Amino acid sequence: MDEAERQRLEEQIERWEKKYRELFNTVPNPVFVLDSDLKIIDCNDRVFGVYGYRKEDVLRKPFADLFEPEKNRDFACEIRRAQTINQVRHITRYGPAIYVNVRISPTEYAGEAAYLVTTSDITKRLQVEQQLIQAGKMATLGEMATAIAHELNQPLSVMKTASSFISKKIRKGEQIRDDILKAMAEEIDSHVDRASGIIIHLLEFGRMSEVKREKVAINDTVNRSLAFFMQQLRHRDIEVKKDLQPDLPPVLANSNRLEQVFINLLVNARDAIEDKFEKSIHSPEKTISIRTALFDGKVRVEVADTGTGIPRPLLEKIFEPFFTTKRVGRGTGLGLSISCGIVRDYDGTLEVETLENEGSTFILTFPASSKS
């Protein structure tokens, strides 16, 4: 190769490198290039805008150091294995941690094996979603106020009856047998526990839920949701059938947020059954069936009802925000949209099988986690 040819190739390579660098720095998201040891060997200018770190601050540093530590998670191992890591917290230089989605692609850099990693800041999106979820919870609590009052009234009535009986005996100077006092004290104690449990559950359900993942026992969350909603269903003579597979592996999610999903599905099942009952000249079956199982390595939950079903032309719209088939004043159209978003946040799926005038079955699947 003569000198002129060599110079021409060098100029061409220089133009390519300049073009690559311009493209690299105009990508709207932070982009990192990692070597085979997962250390940062290059990054674009957007890293400074999102993280506050200059390029020289992060070069040769392990990319896994950007992750906020989580118990039982090896992020370096996940980077090597996965194409995506969703909803993880990254540490910034000056401000609070941010939530990001991470995309990983094997590539080559300077002739060596490398990883191209892109992160997307989803913090603001999650904040809006949290506000919608919280609004949905408050709407649920408002709708259930009567049933909650009834649930609390029962233990309070027992305690009032017992205390009135004791007060009356004291005023009359009459003795109360020890066995009667013991039985009444135990009854009062058990109903205090019941009322306290209802209030604690209300407070836990109403609080702003965490986005962080934890190991959740699906059957426990299903049972908590049913306990919260059972009085509503009994009041409407709706039977609940449960078939919960024991010893299911946990899923990585948040129990409070999943409880909101199951309550949304129970509300929809109740309304579909009531709608069918109001329109029918006969007395249709009023049943909600809940089944859990391990299927093909995934935890599966089915919530089925004997309601009106969903017309086929509407199936593609039911998970859209603000879409509802309920009459005005009975639904916001956010329940299924919120539920679908929560399920996807935990790498799950939410699908529906339905027959018009026969009922619907909502099917949730989540990746199973190890029990350790």
Protein backbone atom coordinates (compact mmCIF):
# COMPACT_ATOMS: atom_id res chain seq x y z
CA MET A 1 0.00 0.00 0.00
CA ASP A 2 1.48 3.33 -1.03
CA GLU A 3 1.50 6.43 1.16
CA ALA A 4 -1.40 8.13 -0.67
CA GLU A 5 -3.63 5.05 -0.27
CA ARG A 6 -2.75 4.74 3.42
CA GLN A 7 -3.54 8.41 4.02
CA ARG A 8 -6.86 8.07 2.19
CA LEU A 9 -7.87 5.10 4.37
CA GLU A 10 -6.86 6.95 7.55
CA GLU A 11 -8.98 9.93 6.54
CA GLN A 12 -11.93 7.63 5.78
CA ILE A 13 -11.58 5.91 9.17
CA GLU A 14 -11.39 9.30 10.85
CA ARG A 15 -14.61 10.39 9.10
CA TRP A 16 -16.35 7.15 10.17
CA GLU A 17 -15.20 7.61 13.76
CA LYS A 18 -16.43 11.20 13.77
CA LYS A 19 -19.80 10.13 12.35
CA TYR A 20 -20.05 7.30 14.88
CA ARG A 21 -19.25 9.71 17.73
CA GLU A 22 -21.87 12.21 16.52
CA LEU A 23 -24.51 9.47 16.33
CA PHE A 24 -23.42 8.06 19.68
CA ASN A 25 -23.80 11.41 21.40
CA THR A 26 -27.14 12.32 19.79
CA VAL A 27 -28.92 9.22 21.14
CA PRO A 28 -31.50 10.65 23.61
CA ASN A 29 -30.80 8.00 26.26
CA PRO A 30 -27.61 7.23 28.16
CA VAL A 31 -25.51 4.65 26.31
CA PHE A 32 -22.60 2.71 27.82
CA VAL A 33 -20.06 0.39 26.22
CA LEU A 34 -18.80 -2.33 28.57
CA ASP A 35 -15.83 -4.61 28.15
CA SER A 36 -15.95 -8.35 28.86
CA ASP A 37 -15.39 -7.62 32.57
CA LEU A 38 -18.45 -5.28 32.54
CA LYS A 39 -16.33 -2.19 33.08
CA ILE A 40 -17.33 1.01 31.29
CA ILE A 41 -14.98 1.75 28.40
CA ASP A 42 -17.10 4.40 26.67
CA CYS A 43 -20.33 6.35 27.16
CA ASN A 44 -22.22 9.13 25.44
CA ASP A 45 -22.85 12.71 26.55
CA ARG A 46 -26.38 11.90 27.78
CA VAL A 47 -24.87 10.11 30.79
CA PHE A 48 -23.99 13.48 32.29
CA GLY A 49 -27.51 14.86 31.74
CA VAL A 50 -29.23 11.91 33.44
CA TYR A 51 -26.70 10.73 36.02
CA GLY A 52 -24.59 13.84 36.63
CA TYR A 53 -21.38 11.88 35.99
CA ARG A 54 -18.75 13.11 33.55
CA LYS A 55 -17.20 10.59 31.23
CA GLU A 56 -13.94 10.55 33.17
CA ASP A 57 -15.91 9.79 36.37
CA VAL A 58 -17.21 6.46 35.07
CA LEU A 59 -14.55 5.13 32.68
CA ARG A 60 -13.02 1.84 33.87
CA LYS A 61 -15.62 1.62 36.67
CA PRO A 62 -17.84 -1.50 36.93
CA PHE A 63 -21.23 -0.76 35.38
CA ALA A 64 -22.88 -2.80 38.18
CA ASP A 65 -21.78 -0.07 40.63
CA LEU A 66 -24.51 2.16 39.19
CA PHE A 67 -27.20 -0.17 40.59
CA GLU A 68 -28.58 0.47 44.04
CA PRO A 69 -27.83 -2.78 45.92
CA GLU A 70 -30.74 -5.19 46.35
CA LYS A 71 -30.77 -8.25 48.55
CA ASN A 72 -30.38 -11.55 46.67
CA ARG A 73 -29.67 -9.87 43.31
CA ASP A 74 -26.41 -10.19 41.40
CA PHE A 75 -26.66 -7.46 38.77
CA ALA A 76 -23.38 -8.40 37.08
CA CYS A 77 -24.76 -11.88 36.48
CA GLU A 78 -28.05 -10.44 35.18
CA ILE A 79 -26.22 -8.15 32.73
CA ARG A 80 -24.43 -11.15 31.22
CA ARG A 81 -27.58 -13.26 30.94
CA ALA A 82 -30.45 -10.88 30.19
CA GLN A 83 -31.44 -8.61 27.32
CA THR A 84 -33.47 -6.35 29.59
CA ILE A 85 -33.52 -5.46 33.29
CA ASN A 86 -36.62 -3.47 34.16
CA GLN A 87 -37.46 -1.08 36.97
CA VAL A 88 -34.18 -1.00 38.83
CA ARG A 89 -32.75 1.89 40.81
CA HIS A 90 -29.59 3.59 39.60
CA ILE A 91 -27.45 5.87 41.72
CA THR A 92 -26.93 9.44 40.46
CA ARG A 93 -24.15 11.82 41.43
CA TYR A 94 -26.09 14.59 43.17
CA GLY A 95 -29.75 13.68 43.49
CA PRO A 96 -31.85 10.73 44.63
CA ALA A 97 -31.69 7.39 42.86
CA ILE A 98 -33.68 7.06 39.64
CA TYR A 99 -35.67 4.16 38.21
CA VAL A 100 -34.44 2.89 34.86
CA ASN A 101 -35.05 0.17 32.32
CA VAL A 102 -31.81 -1.36 31.03
CA ARG A 103 -31.32 -2.84 27.55
CA ILE A 104 -28.23 -4.99 26.86
CA SER A 105 -26.83 -6.13 23.50
CA PRO A 106 -23.61 -8.07 22.91
CA THR A 107 -21.39 -6.28 20.38
CA GLU A 108 -17.76 -5.64 19.43
CA TYR A 109 -15.68 -2.60 20.29
CA ALA A 110 -12.18 -2.04 18.95
CA GLY A 111 -12.15 -5.64 17.80
CA GLU A 112 -12.97 -7.02 21.26
CA ALA A 113 -16.18 -8.58 22.66
CA ALA A 114 -18.26 -5.95 24.44
CA TYR A 115 -21.76 -5.05 25.62
CA LEU A 116 -23.80 -2.09 24.40
CA VAL A 117 -26.07 -0.93 27.23
CA THR A 118 -28.84 1.66 26.99
CA THR A 119 -30.78 2.96 30.00
CA SER A 120 -34.14 4.75 30.02
CA ASP A 121 -35.12 6.97 32.95
CA ILE A 122 -38.70 5.96 33.86
CA THR A 123 -38.89 7.77 37.21
CA LYS A 124 -41.52 10.33 36.15
CA ARG A 125 -43.63 7.67 34.42
CA LEU A 126 -43.63 5.56 37.57
CA GLN A 127 -44.62 8.57 39.67
CA VAL A 128 -47.67 9.15 37.46
CA GLU A 129 -48.54 5.44 37.57
CA GLN A 130 -48.24 5.48 41.37
CA GLN A 131 -50.66 8.40 41.54
CA LEU A 132 -53.16 6.54 39.34
CA ILE A 133 -52.81 3.39 41.43
CA GLN A 134 -53.33 5.40 44.61
CA ALA A 135 -56.40 7.08 43.14
CA GLY A 136 -57.76 3.64 42.26
CA LYS A 137 -57.21 2.46 45.83
CA MET A 138 -59.02 5.45 47.26
CA ALA A 139 -61.94 4.87 44.88
CA THR A 140 -62.09 1.24 46.02
CA LEU A 141 -62.03 2.21 49.69
CA GLY A 142 -64.77 4.79 49.11
CA GLU A 143 -66.96 2.26 47.33
CA MET A 144 -66.44 -0.25 50.13
CA ALA A 145 -67.12 2.16 52.99
CA THR A 146 -70.47 0.56 53.87
CA ALA A 147 -69.07 -2.98 53.89
CA ILE A 148 -66.06 -1.86 55.95
CA ALA A 149 -68.37 -0.17 58.48
CA HIS A 150 -70.37 -3.40 58.73
CA GLU A 151 -67.19 -5.44 59.24
CA LEU A 152 -66.12 -3.15 62.10
CA ASN A 153 -69.61 -2.90 63.58
CA GLN A 154 -69.80 -6.63 64.34
CA PRO A 155 -66.83 -6.85 66.74
CA LEU A 156 -67.78 -3.50 68.25
CA SER A 157 -71.32 -4.78 68.93
CA VAL A 158 -69.95 -7.87 70.69
CA MET A 159 -67.64 -5.75 72.83
CA LYS A 160 -70.44 -3.31 73.64
CA THR A 161 -72.78 -6.14 74.69
CA ALA A 162 -70.13 -7.67 76.95
CA SER A 163 -69.15 -4.38 78.55
CA SER A 164 -72.81 -3.44 79.13
CA PHE A 165 -73.43 -6.79 80.83
CA ILE A 166 -70.41 -6.33 83.13
CA SER A 167 -71.37 -2.72 83.96
CA LYS A 168 -74.94 -3.78 84.78
CA LYS A 169 -73.75 -6.51 87.15
CA ILE A 170 -71.38 -4.09 88.89
CA ARG A 171 -74.11 -1.48 89.36
CA LYS A 172 -76.37 -4.11 90.94
CA GLY A 173 -73.57 -5.42 93.14
CA GLU A 174 -74.00 -8.88 91.66
CA GLN A 175 -71.19 -11.38 91.32
CA ILE A 176 -70.18 -12.76 87.91
CA ARG A 177 -69.00 -16.33 87.82
CA ASP A 178 -65.32 -16.79 86.94
CA ASP A 179 -66.09 -19.01 83.96
CA ILE A 180 -68.46 -16.38 82.53
CA LEU A 181 -65.91 -13.60 83.06
CA LYS A 182 -63.21 -15.72 81.40
CA ALA A 183 -65.42 -16.48 78.39
CA MET A 184 -66.40 -12.81 77.99
CA ALA A 185 -62.80 -11.60 78.31
CA GLU A 186 -61.68 -14.07 75.64
CA GLU A 187 -64.56 -13.02 73.36
CA ILE A 188 -63.70 -9.33 73.79
CA ASP A 189 -60.02 -10.03 73.16
CA SER A 190 -60.70 -11.97 69.95
CA HIS A 191 -63.01 -9.24 68.58
CA VAL A 192 -60.46 -6.53 69.43
CA ASP A 193 -57.95 -8.52 67.38
CA ARG A 194 -60.47 -8.81 64.55
CA ALA A 195 -61.22 -5.06 64.50
CA SER A 196 -57.52 -4.25 64.78
CA GLY A 197 -56.76 -6.60 61.88
CA ILE A 198 -59.38 -4.89 59.68
CA ILE A 199 -57.94 -1.45 60.46
CA ILE A 200 -54.33 -2.56 59.87
CA HIS A 201 -55.34 -4.10 56.54
CA LEU A 202 -57.09 -0.87 55.52
CA LEU A 203 -54.01 1.17 56.41
CA GLU A 204 -51.69 -1.18 54.53
CA PHE A 205 -53.92 -1.26 51.47
CA GLY A 206 -54.37 2.51 51.44
CA ARG A 207 -50.69 3.42 51.76
CA MET A 208 -48.54 4.28 48.76
CA SER A 209 -47.03 0.99 47.62
CA GLU A 210 -43.35 0.44 46.90
CA VAL A 211 -42.07 -0.18 43.38
CA LYS A 212 -39.28 -2.45 44.63
CA ARG A 213 -39.71 -6.18 44.09
CA GLU A 214 -39.88 -8.73 46.87
CA LYS A 215 -40.75 -12.40 47.07
CA VAL A 216 -44.55 -12.65 47.24
CA ALA A 217 -46.66 -15.72 48.02
CA ILE A 218 -49.51 -15.41 45.51
CA ASN A 219 -51.96 -17.50 47.57
CA ASP A 220 -51.49 -15.20 50.58
CA THR A 221 -52.17 -12.12 48.45
CA VAL A 222 -55.26 -13.73 46.90
CA ASN A 223 -56.60 -14.60 50.37
CA ARG A 224 -55.94 -11.09 51.67
CA SER A 225 -57.80 -9.61 48.71
CA LEU A 226 -60.75 -11.91 49.28
CA ALA A 227 -60.83 -11.15 53.01
CA PHE A 228 -60.96 -7.46 52.15
CA PHE A 229 -63.78 -7.91 49.65
CA MET A 230 -65.73 -10.92 50.95
CA GLN A 231 -68.37 -8.93 52.82
CA GLN A 232 -69.29 -7.14 49.58
CA LEU A 233 -69.74 -10.46 47.79
CA ARG A 234 -71.73 -12.09 50.60
CA HIS A 235 -74.06 -9.11 50.67
CA ARG A 236 -74.86 -9.77 46.99
CA ASP A 237 -75.15 -13.57 47.42
CA ILE A 238 -72.12 -14.16 45.21
CA GLU A 239 -70.39 -17.46 45.94
CA VAL A 240 -66.60 -17.65 45.84
CA LYS A 241 -64.91 -20.92 44.90
CA LYS A 242 -61.19 -21.26 45.60
CA ASP A 243 -58.76 -23.81 44.21
CA LEU A 244 -55.32 -22.65 45.37
CA GLN A 245 -52.38 -24.95 44.71
CA PRO A 246 -50.31 -25.29 47.89
CA ASP A 247 -46.56 -24.76 48.00
CA LEU A 248 -46.43 -22.48 44.98
CA PRO A 249 -43.05 -20.82 44.43
CA PRO A 250 -43.03 -17.07 45.16
CA VAL A 251 -43.05 -14.37 42.49
CA LEU A 252 -40.96 -11.19 42.44
CA ALA A 253 -43.49 -8.39 42.87
CA ASN A 254 -45.08 -6.21 45.56
CA SER A 255 -47.89 -7.71 47.62
CA ASN A 256 -49.72 -4.40 48.08
CA ARG A 257 -49.79 -3.67 44.35
CA LEU A 258 -50.88 -7.23 43.46
CA GLU A 259 -53.66 -6.97 46.01
CA GLN A 260 -54.91 -3.94 44.09
CA VAL A 261 -54.90 -6.03 40.89
CA PHE A 262 -56.95 -8.84 42.45
CA ILE A 263 -59.42 -6.41 44.01
CA ASN A 264 -59.86 -4.68 40.64
CA LEU A 265 -60.62 -8.06 39.06
CA LEU A 266 -63.05 -8.93 41.88
CA VAL A 267 -64.83 -5.59 41.44
CA ASN A 268 -65.20 -6.21 37.71
CA ALA A 269 -66.41 -9.78 38.30
CA ARG A 270 -68.97 -8.58 40.84
CA ASP A 271 -70.27 -5.86 38.50
CA ALA A 272 -70.50 -8.27 35.54
CA ILE A 273 -72.49 -10.76 37.65
CA GLU A 274 -74.78 -8.03 39.02
CA ASP A 275 -75.34 -6.63 35.52
CA LYS A 276 -76.34 -10.05 34.22
CA PHE A 277 -78.61 -10.63 37.23
CA GLU A 278 -80.39 -7.28 36.71
CA LYS A 279 -81.05 -8.03 33.03
CA SER A 280 -82.07 -11.68 33.40
CA ILE A 281 -85.65 -12.84 33.91
CA HIS A 282 -84.30 -16.01 35.56
CA SER A 283 -81.89 -16.32 38.48
CA PRO A 284 -78.46 -16.87 36.91
CA GLU A 285 -75.58 -18.46 38.78
CA LYS A 286 -73.61 -15.91 40.80
CA THR A 287 -70.12 -17.36 41.19
CA ILE A 288 -66.54 -16.13 41.19
CA SER A 289 -63.88 -18.84 40.90
CA ILE A 290 -60.23 -18.27 41.74
CA ARG A 291 -57.58 -20.83 40.86
CA THR A 292 -53.81 -20.77 41.26
CA ALA A 293 -51.34 -23.25 39.82
CA LEU A 294 -47.78 -23.72 38.61
CA PHE A 295 -47.95 -24.08 34.84
CA ASP A 296 -44.99 -24.39 32.49
CA GLY A 297 -42.63 -22.90 35.08
CA LYS A 298 -44.87 -19.90 35.74
CA VAL A 299 -47.28 -19.03 38.55
CA ARG A 300 -50.75 -18.77 37.04
CA VAL A 301 -53.84 -17.15 38.56
CA GLU A 302 -57.32 -17.40 37.04
CA VAL A 303 -60.21 -15.20 38.16
CA ALA A 304 -63.44 -16.38 36.51
CA ASP A 305 -67.00 -15.06 36.80
CA THR A 306 -70.45 -16.06 35.59
CA GLY A 307 -71.26 -12.53 34.44
CA THR A 308 -72.20 -10.96 31.13
CA GLY A 309 -68.93 -11.65 29.33
CA ILE A 310 -67.27 -9.14 27.02
CA PRO A 311 -68.48 -8.54 23.45
CA ARG A 312 -65.75 -9.60 21.02
CA PRO A 313 -65.48 -6.16 19.29
CA LEU A 314 -64.55 -4.65 22.68
CA LEU A 315 -61.84 -7.13 23.63
CA GLU A 316 -59.01 -5.07 22.12
CA LYS A 317 -60.07 -1.99 24.08
CA ILE A 318 -60.66 -3.28 27.61
CA PHE A 319 -57.08 -2.63 28.78
CA GLU A 320 -57.05 0.94 27.42
CA PRO A 321 -57.17 3.77 29.99
CA PHE A 322 -60.64 5.21 30.66
CA PHE A 323 -62.41 2.59 28.55
CA THR A 324 -65.34 1.02 30.38
CA THR A 325 -68.50 -0.89 29.50
CA LYS A 326 -70.12 0.02 32.82
CA ARG A 327 -72.87 2.57 33.07
CA VAL A 328 -72.02 6.17 34.03
CA GLY A 329 -71.03 6.52 37.66
CA ARG A 330 -70.10 2.87 38.15
CA GLY A 331 -66.56 2.76 36.80
CA THR A 332 -63.65 5.02 35.85
CA GLY A 333 -62.20 2.75 33.16
CA LEU A 334 -58.83 2.73 34.95
CA GLY A 335 -59.02 -0.57 36.85
CA LEU A 336 -57.93 -2.94 34.08
CA SER A 337 -55.45 -0.45 32.63
CA ILE A 338 -53.79 -0.01 36.03
CA SER A 339 -53.86 -3.76 36.65
CA CYS A 340 -52.28 -4.52 33.30
CA GLY A 341 -49.49 -2.02 33.98
CA ILE A 342 -48.76 -3.50 37.41
CA VAL A 343 -48.65 -7.04 36.05
CA ARG A 344 -46.27 -6.02 33.24
CA ASP A 345 -44.03 -4.26 35.76
CA TYR A 346 -43.38 -7.68 37.27
CA ASP A 347 -42.72 -9.35 33.89
CA GLY A 348 -46.17 -10.94 33.95
CA THR A 349 -49.05 -11.15 31.52
CA LEU A 350 -52.76 -10.40 31.90
CA GLU A 351 -55.12 -11.97 29.38
CA VAL A 352 -58.85 -12.63 29.16
CA GLU A 353 -61.00 -15.42 27.81
CA THR A 354 -64.69 -14.61 27.50
CA LEU A 355 -68.02 -15.76 26.13
CA GLU A 356 -70.85 -13.29 25.79
CA ASN A 357 -73.62 -13.95 28.35
CA GLU A 358 -71.52 -16.78 29.85
CA GLY A 359 -68.75 -15.00 31.74
CA SER A 360 -65.07 -14.09 31.62
CA THR A 361 -61.81 -15.53 32.91
CA PHE A 362 -58.85 -13.23 33.54
CA ILE A 363 -55.55 -15.11 33.46
CA LEU A 364 -52.40 -13.75 35.13
CA THR A 365 -48.99 -15.38 34.78
CA PHE A 366 -45.77 -14.47 36.56
CA PRO A 367 -42.25 -15.91 36.35
CA ALA A 368 -41.69 -18.20 39.33
CA SER A 369 -38.88 -17.27 41.68
CA SER A 370 -36.79 -19.67 43.75
CA LYS A 371 -37.99 -20.31 47.28
CA SER A 372 -34.58 -19.68 48.83
